Amino acid sequence: MNDLTYTKIGDYLIPDLTMDAEDDTPLGRYGILRETFLQEHHHGTYTSMLLTGRLEPHLREIDRQVEEQVERIVGNLKRLHGVDERVKADDQMAWVQAVKDASGKVTATTVTESKGTVSTATDGTKTTTTTNTAVTTDAAGNKTTVVTTEKATVTTDGNTGKVVSDESGKVVSVEAKISETAAESAAKSGETVTLPVTVTAAQSAENATAVAITVPKAAESVKVEIPVEDVKPGTVAVIVHEDGTEEIVKTSTTSEGGVVLALESGASVKVVDNTKDFVDVSGGEWYADNVAWASSREVMNGVGNNTFAPNEVTTTGMLAQILMNLSGETANPNTAAEKYSDIKANDWFAAPISWLTEAGIAQGKGDAFGAAEAITRERDIVLLHNYAQHMGYDTSARADLNRFADAGSVSDWARDAMAWAVGAGIINGTTDGSRNVVLDPQGSATRAQVTAMTERFCKKTAR
C-alpha cells in the first residue's frame, strides 16, 4: 500500500488525494440499455453499484460482451445466406447490401443476466466460465433469447484462450493467443506451445469451427499444439486462407492430446477427422497409424480399389510424389519428359520428377531417371535429407553409425545422410535374422516403412 502524502498550506496539512482516471469514451447503446434495465427492474442493485463505483465498469463490460454477441449473430446470418469473401470478390455491391440486410435484422440486444465462476488449476492456469443471457429484437419486433457460455483461460506464461458455446453446447467460436514469453521460450527450447483451448475434430471442414490463433509478430516460427478430444492419427489441421480457400497442413502431426503444426503468423485453423479406411490395413498392424497419418494428409494415397498396398516396394517415382506433396509445390511434367528418356509427359510421376530435379533434390543416371525402380532405404534417406535442406530445415543432427552391425555396408555417398537420419530419430534400424540391429541400407523400402519414416521426419524435422 502506498503511503499517503500531504501538502502544507498555511497551518494545515492537506492530503494529496487524486481521483482515478475515468474512461471518457461515451457509453455504447448496449451499456445504456443495461443501465435502464437495472434502474427499472433491479433498482437496489443499481444504487449499490453506483455508490461503490462498480456501475461504470460493469456497463462497459456488458457493452463489450453484447457487441461481440451481435457480431457473432451477424456473422452467423452472413454464413447462413452465403455472404463471404467470394461474394465480395464477384459482386462488391451485392456483398455490401447483403451485409446491411444481415446487420439490419439485429436491431437491439439487451443482456438480462450474466453469471460467472472462476477456477484455478494446480499449474496456476485460471479459467473463467461465464453464462450470458441476451434478448435479441429484430426489425419486426420478434424477440429471441440467446444463451451463450464463454470459457476464458489464462496460463501462467500469458497464453489466453476463449471458447464460446451456444445453449445446446455447440461451439460457435474459438480464439487463442500465444504470448511473447511463451513463443520465446518455445523457440529456445524447441518445445511446443499448447493452446489453452480444447476442440472436437469435425467430420468435415464444412462443419468445423475454426480456431483463430494469434502469434506474436516477433516470432519467426512457433510449433503449436491444438488440444483435441479423442484425437486420432487421421486428425488433421486445415488452414483457412483469407480468400476463404482451405488447405490441409500436410506436415502437421498428432500428439497424445492434439494436433501439432508450425505457424509463422496468426492463422485460422480447423480441426477435422480425415481418416481413410483401406481394406488391406487393419488396426492391429504396426504401420496402421502411420498409414492413417499419411493418407489423411494426402501425403500418400491408396493404389485403387480402396487398398493401400503397405507391403509393396516404394519406387523412386512414388517418393518424388510424396516429397512434392509435402512441399505443396508443383512442376511442369514436360521438364522431366524432355530431360529423361524413360519419362513421358503423361506419366503420373512426370511432374514430381520434374519438381525433384528442378529443386536439386535428385538427378537421373545419365539420360534416364529410373522412376519405376525400387528405392533403397539409403537412397530414400538421401532424398529426404536433400529435401530437408531444400526447405531450409535444421539438418545438423548426427549419430555414430558404428552401433549398427552393417554400418560398413552404407554407401559412401549416403553415410552423412544416414548419420543425420539416425541422429534426428527418423530411422532406428531393424533386426536381421541373427537378431542384430542393422540399417539394411541396400534393402528395399516398403510403402508402410516410408509412411513411418515420413511421419517421423515431420515430427522431428519439418516445420
Protein backbone atom coordinates (compact mmCIF):
# COMPACT_ATOMS: atom_id res chain seq x y z
CA MET A 1 0.00 0.00 0.00
CA ASN A 2 1.40 3.45 -0.90
CA ASP A 3 1.99 5.94 1.94
CA LEU A 4 -0.34 8.93 1.98
CA THR A 5 1.44 12.23 1.32
CA TYR A 6 0.43 15.73 2.39
CA THR A 7 0.92 19.27 1.16
CA LYS A 8 1.23 22.06 3.74
CA ILE A 9 -0.99 25.03 3.08
CA GLY A 10 -0.66 27.64 5.76
CA ASP A 11 -1.03 25.87 9.12
CA TYR A 12 -2.78 22.85 7.61
CA LEU A 13 -1.56 19.62 6.05
CA ILE A 14 -3.83 18.73 3.14
CA PRO A 15 -3.78 15.05 1.98
CA ASP A 16 -2.76 14.58 -1.64
CA LEU A 17 -5.85 12.82 -2.94
CA THR A 18 -6.47 12.19 -6.62
CA MET A 19 -9.35 10.63 -8.49
CA ASP A 20 -8.70 7.62 -10.68
CA ALA A 21 -8.78 8.48 -14.35
CA GLU A 22 -12.13 7.71 -15.90
CA ASP A 23 -12.81 6.42 -19.36
CA ASP A 24 -14.37 9.41 -21.12
CA THR A 25 -15.46 7.30 -24.11
CA PRO A 26 -19.25 7.57 -24.49
CA LEU A 27 -21.10 4.51 -23.23
CA GLY A 28 -22.42 2.33 -26.06
CA ARG A 29 -26.07 1.58 -26.79
CA TYR A 30 -26.00 -1.80 -25.06
CA GLY A 31 -24.44 -0.39 -21.91
CA ILE A 32 -27.20 2.24 -21.83
CA LEU A 33 -29.86 -0.46 -22.29
CA ARG A 34 -28.33 -2.41 -19.41
CA GLU A 35 -28.35 0.66 -17.18
CA THR A 36 -32.03 1.27 -17.97
CA PHE A 37 -32.84 -2.36 -17.23
CA LEU A 38 -31.14 -2.20 -13.81
CA GLN A 39 -32.86 1.08 -12.94
CA GLU A 40 -36.30 -0.27 -13.82
CA HIS A 41 -36.07 -3.85 -12.59
CA HIS A 42 -33.21 -4.03 -10.04
CA HIS A 43 -33.08 -0.57 -8.51
CA GLY A 44 -31.39 -1.76 -5.31
CA THR A 45 -28.57 -3.39 -7.26
CA TYR A 46 -28.28 -0.30 -9.44
CA THR A 47 -27.96 2.02 -6.43
CA SER A 48 -25.41 -0.22 -4.72
CA MET A 49 -23.22 -0.49 -7.82
CA LEU A 50 -23.47 3.27 -8.39
CA LEU A 51 -22.39 4.13 -4.84
CA THR A 52 -19.50 1.63 -4.79
CA GLY A 53 -18.09 2.65 -8.18
CA ARG A 54 -18.85 -0.70 -9.80
CA LEU A 55 -21.57 0.51 -12.16
CA GLU A 56 -19.44 2.17 -14.86
CA PRO A 57 -17.01 -0.78 -15.34
CA HIS A 58 -19.96 -3.18 -15.33
CA LEU A 59 -21.84 -1.27 -18.02
CA ARG A 60 -18.77 -1.02 -20.24
CA GLU A 61 -18.08 -4.76 -19.89
CA ILE A 62 -21.70 -5.58 -20.77
CA ASP A 63 -21.48 -3.25 -23.75
CA ARG A 64 -18.34 -5.09 -24.96
CA GLN A 65 -19.87 -8.53 -24.46
CA VAL A 66 -23.07 -7.70 -26.32
CA GLU A 67 -21.18 -6.06 -29.18
CA GLU A 68 -19.28 -9.34 -29.58
CA GLN A 69 -22.54 -11.32 -29.44
CA VAL A 70 -24.13 -9.11 -32.09
CA GLU A 71 -21.06 -9.56 -34.30
CA ARG A 72 -21.38 -13.33 -33.91
CA ILE A 73 -25.10 -13.24 -34.72
CA VAL A 74 -24.48 -11.11 -37.82
CA GLY A 75 -21.64 -13.44 -38.78
CA ASN A 76 -23.92 -16.46 -38.46
CA LEU A 77 -26.56 -14.75 -40.60
CA LYS A 78 -23.92 -13.96 -43.23
CA ARG A 79 -22.77 -17.58 -43.29
CA LEU A 80 -26.37 -18.80 -43.40
CA HIS A 81 -27.02 -16.71 -46.51
CA GLY A 82 -23.67 -17.45 -48.13
CA VAL A 83 -22.24 -13.94 -47.70
CA ASP A 84 -18.47 -14.48 -47.81
CA GLU A 85 -15.31 -13.09 -49.39
CA ARG A 86 -16.03 -14.86 -52.66
CA VAL A 87 -19.32 -12.93 -52.99
CA LYS A 88 -17.39 -9.75 -52.23
CA ALA A 89 -14.88 -10.53 -54.96
CA ASP A 90 -17.58 -11.36 -57.53
CA ASP A 91 -20.02 -8.51 -56.80
CA GLN A 92 -18.99 -5.97 -54.19
CA MET A 93 -22.28 -4.04 -54.28
CA ALA A 94 -24.28 -7.23 -53.72
CA TRP A 95 -21.96 -8.09 -50.82
CA VAL A 96 -22.47 -4.66 -49.20
CA GLN A 97 -26.25 -4.96 -49.49
CA ALA A 98 -26.23 -8.49 -48.08
CA VAL A 99 -24.15 -7.35 -45.08
CA LYS A 100 -26.59 -4.48 -44.49
CA ASP A 101 -29.52 -6.90 -44.63
CA ALA A 102 -27.88 -9.21 -42.11
CA SER A 103 -26.96 -6.34 -39.78
CA GLY A 104 -30.46 -4.86 -40.06
CA LYS A 105 -32.02 -8.00 -38.64
CA VAL A 106 -30.29 -7.34 -35.33
CA THR A 107 -31.67 -4.02 -34.05
CA ALA A 108 -31.37 -4.28 -30.26
CA THR A 109 -29.84 -6.72 -27.83
CA THR A 110 -30.14 -6.44 -24.04
CA VAL A 111 -28.14 -8.66 -21.69
CA THR A 112 -30.52 -9.62 -18.90
CA GLU A 113 -28.25 -11.94 -16.94
CA SER A 114 -24.53 -12.69 -16.63
CA LYS A 115 -23.19 -15.33 -14.22
CA GLY A 116 -19.60 -16.48 -13.89
CA THR A 117 -17.32 -18.83 -11.96
CA VAL A 118 -13.52 -18.88 -11.68
CA SER A 119 -11.37 -21.98 -11.21
CA THR A 120 -7.60 -22.31 -10.81
CA ALA A 121 -5.71 -25.45 -11.85
CA THR A 122 -2.72 -26.84 -9.94
CA ASP A 123 -0.34 -25.31 -12.52
CA GLY A 124 -1.80 -21.84 -11.95
CA THR A 125 -3.98 -21.73 -15.07
CA LYS A 126 -7.14 -19.72 -14.43
CA THR A 127 -10.42 -20.39 -16.22
CA THR A 128 -13.45 -18.12 -16.01
CA THR A 129 -16.75 -19.60 -17.18
CA THR A 130 -19.49 -17.07 -17.84
CA THR A 131 -23.07 -17.70 -18.93
CA ASN A 132 -24.70 -14.77 -20.72
CA THR A 133 -28.38 -14.42 -21.50
CA ALA A 134 -29.37 -11.94 -24.19
CA VAL A 135 -32.63 -10.92 -25.79
CA THR A 136 -32.46 -10.05 -29.49
CA THR A 137 -35.20 -8.00 -31.16
CA ASP A 138 -35.43 -8.00 -34.95
CA ALA A 139 -36.92 -5.32 -37.19
CA ALA A 140 -40.38 -6.89 -36.92
CA GLY A 141 -40.36 -6.79 -33.12
CA ASN A 142 -39.84 -10.53 -32.66
CA LYS A 143 -37.76 -11.36 -29.60
CA THR A 144 -35.30 -14.23 -29.34
CA THR A 145 -33.48 -15.28 -26.19
CA VAL A 146 -29.86 -16.27 -26.78
CA VAL A 147 -27.85 -18.07 -24.11
CA THR A 148 -24.10 -18.40 -24.57
CA THR A 149 -21.38 -19.83 -22.37
CA GLU A 150 -17.92 -18.32 -22.55
CA LYS A 151 -14.90 -20.14 -21.15
CA ALA A 152 -11.86 -17.87 -20.93
CA THR A 153 -8.49 -19.30 -19.87
CA VAL A 154 -5.20 -17.63 -18.95
CA THR A 155 -2.00 -19.63 -18.39
CA THR A 156 0.86 -18.59 -16.13
CA ASP A 157 3.03 -17.67 -19.13
CA GLY A 158 0.35 -15.41 -20.58
CA ASN A 159 -1.32 -17.58 -23.22
CA THR A 160 -5.05 -16.94 -23.47
CA GLY A 161 -7.95 -18.90 -24.90
CA LYS A 162 -11.68 -18.37 -25.28
CA VAL A 163 -14.34 -20.86 -26.28
CA VAL A 164 -17.92 -19.71 -26.78
CA SER A 165 -20.77 -22.25 -26.93
CA ASP A 166 -24.48 -21.83 -27.58
CA GLU A 167 -27.32 -23.11 -25.41
CA SER A 168 -27.10 -26.61 -26.94
CA GLY A 169 -23.40 -26.85 -26.19
CA LYS A 170 -22.29 -26.37 -29.78
CA VAL A 171 -19.07 -24.39 -30.06
CA VAL A 172 -19.60 -21.22 -32.11
CA SER A 173 -16.20 -19.55 -31.79
CA VAL A 174 -12.71 -20.40 -30.56
CA GLU A 175 -9.83 -17.98 -30.04
CA ALA A 176 -6.30 -18.45 -28.73
CA LYS A 177 -3.42 -16.04 -28.31
CA ILE A 178 0.21 -17.03 -27.75
CA SER A 179 2.17 -14.69 -25.52
CA GLU A 180 5.61 -13.37 -26.42
CA THR A 181 7.00 -15.09 -23.32
CA ALA A 182 5.69 -18.50 -24.41
CA ALA A 183 6.84 -18.01 -28.00
CA GLU A 184 10.36 -17.04 -26.96
CA SER A 185 10.62 -19.93 -24.52
CA ALA A 186 9.45 -22.43 -27.15
CA ALA A 187 11.91 -21.06 -29.71
CA LYS A 188 14.83 -21.54 -27.30
CA SER A 189 13.84 -24.99 -26.06
CA GLY A 190 12.35 -26.39 -29.25
CA GLU A 191 9.23 -27.30 -27.31
CA THR A 192 5.62 -26.99 -28.40
CA VAL A 193 3.20 -24.32 -27.17
CA THR A 194 -0.08 -25.93 -26.10
CA LEU A 195 -3.07 -23.66 -26.63
CA PRO A 196 -5.41 -23.22 -23.62
CA VAL A 197 -8.46 -24.40 -25.61
CA THR A 198 -9.84 -27.84 -26.45
CA VAL A 199 -11.81 -28.67 -29.59
CA THR A 200 -13.55 -31.68 -31.09
CA ALA A 201 -12.50 -32.82 -34.57
CA ALA A 202 -15.31 -32.32 -37.08
CA GLN A 203 -16.19 -34.95 -39.67
CA SER A 204 -15.80 -32.39 -42.44
CA ALA A 205 -14.25 -28.97 -42.87
CA GLU A 206 -17.69 -27.50 -43.64
CA ASN A 207 -18.92 -28.40 -40.15
CA ALA A 208 -15.76 -27.39 -38.28
CA THR A 209 -15.41 -24.25 -36.18
CA ALA A 210 -12.12 -22.51 -36.94
CA VAL A 211 -9.67 -21.70 -34.16
CA ALA A 212 -8.45 -18.12 -34.53
CA ILE A 213 -4.80 -18.26 -33.41
CA THR A 214 -2.77 -15.12 -32.75
CA VAL A 215 1.04 -15.44 -32.88
CA PRO A 216 3.40 -12.65 -31.71
CA LYS A 217 4.74 -10.64 -34.63
CA ALA A 218 8.31 -11.07 -33.41
CA ALA A 219 8.10 -14.87 -33.52
CA GLU A 220 9.75 -16.50 -36.55
CA SER A 221 8.03 -19.87 -36.21
CA VAL A 222 6.11 -21.42 -33.34
CA LYS A 223 5.20 -25.09 -33.06
CA VAL A 224 1.64 -25.11 -31.73
CA GLU A 225 -0.47 -27.90 -30.28
CA ILE A 226 -4.24 -27.60 -30.54
CA PRO A 227 -5.74 -29.90 -27.88
CA VAL A 228 -8.34 -32.24 -29.43
CA GLU A 229 -10.80 -34.56 -27.73
CA ASP A 230 -10.26 -38.19 -28.83
CA VAL A 231 -7.50 -37.27 -31.29
CA LYS A 232 -6.69 -39.88 -33.95
CA PRO A 233 -3.72 -40.34 -36.33
CA GLY A 234 -6.06 -39.20 -39.10
CA THR A 235 -6.95 -35.93 -37.35
CA VAL A 236 -5.68 -33.05 -39.48
CA ALA A 237 -5.25 -29.29 -39.28
CA VAL A 238 -6.83 -27.26 -42.08
CA ILE A 239 -5.69 -23.69 -42.70
CA VAL A 240 -8.43 -21.24 -43.78
CA HIS A 241 -6.83 -18.61 -46.00
CA GLU A 242 -8.02 -15.00 -46.18
CA ASP A 243 -9.73 -15.64 -49.52
CA GLY A 244 -11.80 -18.43 -47.97
CA THR A 245 -9.90 -21.33 -49.54
CA GLU A 246 -8.83 -24.16 -47.28
CA GLU A 247 -5.67 -26.28 -47.24
CA ILE A 248 -4.68 -29.36 -45.25
CA VAL A 249 -1.41 -28.82 -43.37
CA LYS A 250 0.46 -31.85 -44.70
CA THR A 251 3.35 -31.57 -42.24
CA SER A 252 1.05 -31.42 -39.20
CA THR A 253 1.35 -34.34 -36.79
CA THR A 254 -0.61 -35.70 -33.87
CA SER A 255 0.38 -36.00 -30.22
CA GLU A 256 -1.32 -37.84 -27.39
CA GLY A 257 -3.55 -34.83 -26.81
CA GLY A 258 -3.94 -32.96 -30.06
CA VAL A 259 -2.73 -31.77 -33.46
CA VAL A 260 0.68 -30.11 -33.82
CA LEU A 261 1.63 -27.66 -36.56
CA ALA A 262 4.14 -24.85 -37.09
CA LEU A 263 2.90 -21.29 -37.54
CA GLU A 264 4.91 -18.25 -38.60
CA SER A 265 1.99 -15.86 -38.14
CA GLY A 266 -1.59 -15.80 -36.95
CA ALA A 267 -3.93 -18.26 -38.64
CA SER A 268 -7.47 -19.57 -38.75
CA VAL A 269 -7.29 -23.34 -38.29
CA LYS A 270 -9.97 -26.02 -38.46
CA VAL A 271 -9.51 -29.49 -36.95
CA VAL A 272 -11.01 -32.33 -38.97
CA ASP A 273 -11.05 -36.13 -38.72
CA ASN A 274 -9.95 -37.04 -42.25
CA THR A 275 -9.27 -40.72 -41.56
CA LYS A 276 -9.22 -43.00 -44.64
CA ASP A 277 -10.05 -46.70 -44.41
CA PHE A 278 -8.26 -49.33 -46.51
CA VAL A 279 -9.28 -52.97 -46.78
CA ASP A 280 -5.65 -54.15 -46.61
CA VAL A 281 -4.70 -52.14 -43.49
CA SER A 282 -6.06 -53.48 -40.21
CA GLY A 283 -5.88 -51.61 -36.95
CA GLY A 284 -3.55 -54.17 -35.42
CA GLU A 285 -0.70 -53.70 -37.90
CA TRP A 286 2.38 -51.81 -36.71
CA TYR A 287 2.04 -49.35 -39.57
CA ALA A 288 -1.72 -48.69 -39.25
CA ASP A 289 -1.28 -45.31 -37.52
CA ASN A 290 1.46 -44.27 -39.99
CA VAL A 291 -0.78 -45.07 -42.97
CA ALA A 292 -3.65 -43.16 -41.32
CA TRP A 293 -1.37 -40.14 -40.85
CA ALA A 294 -0.03 -40.15 -44.43
CA SER A 295 -3.35 -40.80 -46.18
CA SER A 296 -5.39 -38.31 -44.12
CA ARG A 297 -2.92 -35.55 -45.03
CA GLU A 298 -2.88 -36.69 -48.68
CA VAL A 299 0.88 -37.15 -48.48
CA MET A 300 0.35 -40.72 -49.73
CA ASN A 301 -2.80 -42.05 -51.33
CA GLY A 302 -4.12 -45.53 -51.94
CA VAL A 303 -3.41 -47.54 -55.09
CA GLY A 304 -7.04 -48.14 -56.09
CA ASN A 305 -9.94 -50.38 -55.08
CA ASN A 306 -9.77 -48.99 -51.55
CA THR A 307 -6.33 -50.55 -50.98
CA PHE A 308 -3.04 -49.04 -49.79
CA ALA A 309 -0.60 -51.87 -50.63
CA PRO A 310 1.50 -51.32 -47.48
CA ASN A 311 3.93 -54.14 -48.25
CA GLU A 312 4.63 -53.17 -51.84
CA VAL A 313 8.04 -51.75 -52.63
CA THR A 314 8.28 -47.97 -52.92
CA THR A 315 9.61 -46.66 -56.22
CA THR A 316 11.64 -43.52 -56.78
CA GLY A 317 8.64 -42.00 -58.56
CA MET A 318 6.44 -42.64 -55.52
CA LEU A 319 8.93 -40.94 -53.21
CA ALA A 320 9.16 -38.00 -55.59
CA GLN A 321 5.35 -37.66 -55.40
CA ILE A 322 5.46 -37.84 -51.58
CA LEU A 323 8.08 -35.10 -51.30
CA MET A 324 6.28 -32.84 -53.78
CA ASN A 325 3.04 -33.37 -51.85
CA LEU A 326 4.78 -32.36 -48.62
CA SER A 327 6.18 -29.21 -50.22
CA GLY A 328 2.83 -28.08 -51.59
CA GLU A 329 4.58 -27.16 -54.84
CA THR A 330 4.19 -28.48 -58.38
CA ALA A 331 6.07 -28.56 -61.67
CA ASN A 332 5.66 -28.93 -65.43
CA PRO A 333 5.74 -32.64 -66.43
CA ASN A 334 7.32 -31.71 -69.76
CA THR A 335 10.56 -30.76 -67.99
CA ALA A 336 11.28 -34.35 -66.95
CA ALA A 337 9.95 -35.76 -70.23
CA GLU A 338 12.36 -33.62 -72.23
CA LYS A 339 15.30 -34.42 -69.96
CA TYR A 340 14.94 -38.17 -69.38
CA SER A 341 14.40 -40.88 -71.97
CA ASP A 342 12.39 -43.12 -69.62
CA ILE A 343 9.75 -40.49 -68.74
CA LYS A 344 6.78 -39.37 -70.81
CA ALA A 345 4.81 -36.19 -70.14
CA ASN A 346 1.63 -38.17 -69.40
CA ASP A 347 3.29 -40.45 -66.81
CA TRP A 348 1.80 -39.85 -63.35
CA PHE A 349 5.27 -39.34 -61.93
CA ALA A 350 6.46 -36.88 -64.62
CA ALA A 351 5.56 -33.72 -62.66
CA PRO A 352 7.07 -34.98 -59.36
CA ILE A 353 10.32 -35.95 -61.12
CA SER A 354 10.39 -32.53 -62.79
CA TRP A 355 9.99 -30.90 -59.39
CA LEU A 356 12.59 -33.16 -57.76
CA THR A 357 15.26 -32.36 -60.35
CA GLU A 358 14.46 -28.65 -60.59
CA ALA A 359 14.77 -28.38 -56.80
CA GLY A 360 18.15 -30.09 -56.91
CA ILE A 361 16.98 -32.90 -54.64
CA ALA A 362 17.83 -35.69 -57.09
CA GLN A 363 19.23 -36.20 -60.57
CA GLY A 364 18.94 -39.05 -63.00
CA LYS A 365 21.51 -41.55 -64.19
CA GLY A 366 22.68 -40.17 -67.50
CA ASP A 367 19.72 -39.69 -69.82
CA ALA A 368 17.42 -41.87 -67.66
CA PHE A 369 15.94 -41.28 -64.22
CA GLY A 370 14.69 -44.69 -63.10
CA ALA A 371 11.37 -43.52 -61.66
CA ALA A 372 9.93 -47.05 -61.73
CA GLU A 373 12.90 -48.57 -59.89
CA ALA A 374 12.51 -49.77 -56.31
CA ILE A 375 14.11 -47.28 -53.95
CA THR A 376 16.60 -48.49 -51.36
CA ARG A 377 16.47 -47.39 -47.75
CA GLU A 378 19.66 -45.35 -48.04
CA ARG A 379 18.52 -43.58 -51.22
CA ASP A 380 15.21 -42.81 -49.53
CA ILE A 381 17.10 -41.17 -46.66
CA VAL A 382 19.42 -39.25 -49.01
CA LEU A 383 16.44 -37.75 -50.87
CA LEU A 384 14.71 -36.95 -47.57
CA HIS A 385 17.89 -35.24 -46.35
CA ASN A 386 18.19 -33.24 -49.57
CA TYR A 387 14.54 -32.26 -49.31
CA ALA A 388 15.06 -31.02 -45.74
CA GLN A 389 17.96 -28.85 -46.90
CA HIS A 390 15.89 -27.54 -49.83
CA MET A 391 13.14 -26.50 -47.40
CA GLY A 392 15.60 -24.83 -45.04
CA TYR A 393 15.07 -27.24 -42.13
CA ASP A 394 17.69 -27.95 -39.46
CA THR A 395 19.80 -30.93 -40.60
CA SER A 396 22.59 -30.60 -38.05
CA ALA A 397 21.79 -33.78 -36.07
CA ARG A 398 24.33 -36.61 -36.41
CA ALA A 399 24.81 -40.06 -34.86
CA ASP A 400 27.57 -42.69 -34.89
CA LEU A 401 26.55 -45.45 -37.28
CA ASN A 402 29.03 -47.95 -35.84
CA ARG A 403 26.46 -49.23 -33.35
CA PHE A 404 24.74 -50.94 -36.27
CA ALA A 405 26.12 -54.33 -37.31
CA ASP A 406 26.10 -53.44 -41.01
CA ALA A 407 27.39 -49.86 -40.73
CA GLY A 408 30.20 -50.71 -43.14
CA SER A 409 27.74 -51.52 -45.91
CA VAL A 410 26.36 -47.99 -46.09
CA SER A 411 27.46 -46.38 -49.37
CA ASP A 412 29.91 -43.52 -49.02
CA TRP A 413 27.50 -41.11 -50.75
CA ALA A 414 24.80 -41.97 -48.22
CA ARG A 415 26.77 -42.05 -44.93
CA ASP A 416 26.23 -38.42 -43.94
CA ALA A 417 22.51 -38.52 -44.67
CA MET A 418 22.14 -41.82 -42.77
CA ALA A 419 24.01 -40.34 -39.78
CA TRP A 420 21.60 -37.39 -39.88
CA ALA A 421 18.51 -39.60 -40.05
CA VAL A 422 19.64 -41.73 -37.09
CA GLY A 423 20.63 -38.65 -35.08
CA ALA A 424 17.29 -36.97 -35.79
CA GLY A 425 15.32 -40.08 -34.82
CA ILE A 426 13.90 -40.64 -38.29
CA ILE A 427 15.24 -44.21 -38.55
CA ASN A 428 16.13 -46.56 -35.73
CA GLY A 429 17.33 -49.60 -37.63
CA THR A 430 15.74 -53.02 -37.94
CA THR A 431 16.58 -56.55 -36.77
CA ASP A 432 18.09 -59.15 -39.08
CA GLY A 433 17.79 -62.93 -38.87
CA SER A 434 20.56 -63.09 -36.28
CA ARG A 435 18.82 -60.52 -34.06
CA ASN A 436 21.41 -57.89 -34.90
CA VAL A 437 20.27 -54.28 -35.18
CA VAL A 438 21.02 -53.23 -38.74
CA LEU A 439 20.38 -50.32 -41.08
CA ASP A 440 19.81 -52.56 -44.13
CA PRO A 441 20.87 -49.66 -46.42
CA GLN A 442 20.52 -51.61 -49.69
CA GLY A 443 17.21 -53.17 -48.70
CA SER A 444 14.02 -52.04 -50.40
CA ALA A 445 11.73 -49.66 -48.55
CA THR A 446 8.08 -50.74 -48.44
CA ARG A 447 5.24 -48.23 -48.64
CA ALA A 448 4.48 -48.87 -44.96
CA GLN A 449 8.09 -48.17 -43.98
CA VAL A 450 8.11 -44.96 -45.97
CA THR A 451 4.95 -43.71 -44.22
CA ALA A 452 6.65 -44.31 -40.86
CA MET A 453 9.87 -42.53 -41.88
CA THR A 454 7.98 -39.63 -43.40
CA GLU A 455 5.80 -39.12 -40.32
CA ARG A 456 8.83 -39.23 -38.03
CA PHE A 457 10.54 -36.73 -40.34
CA CYS A 458 7.62 -34.32 -39.98
CA LYS A 459 7.60 -34.72 -36.18
CA LYS A 460 11.35 -34.35 -35.73
CA THR A 461 12.44 -32.01 -38.51
CA ALA A 462 9.73 -30.37 -40.60
CA ARG A 463 8.11 -27.11 -39.55
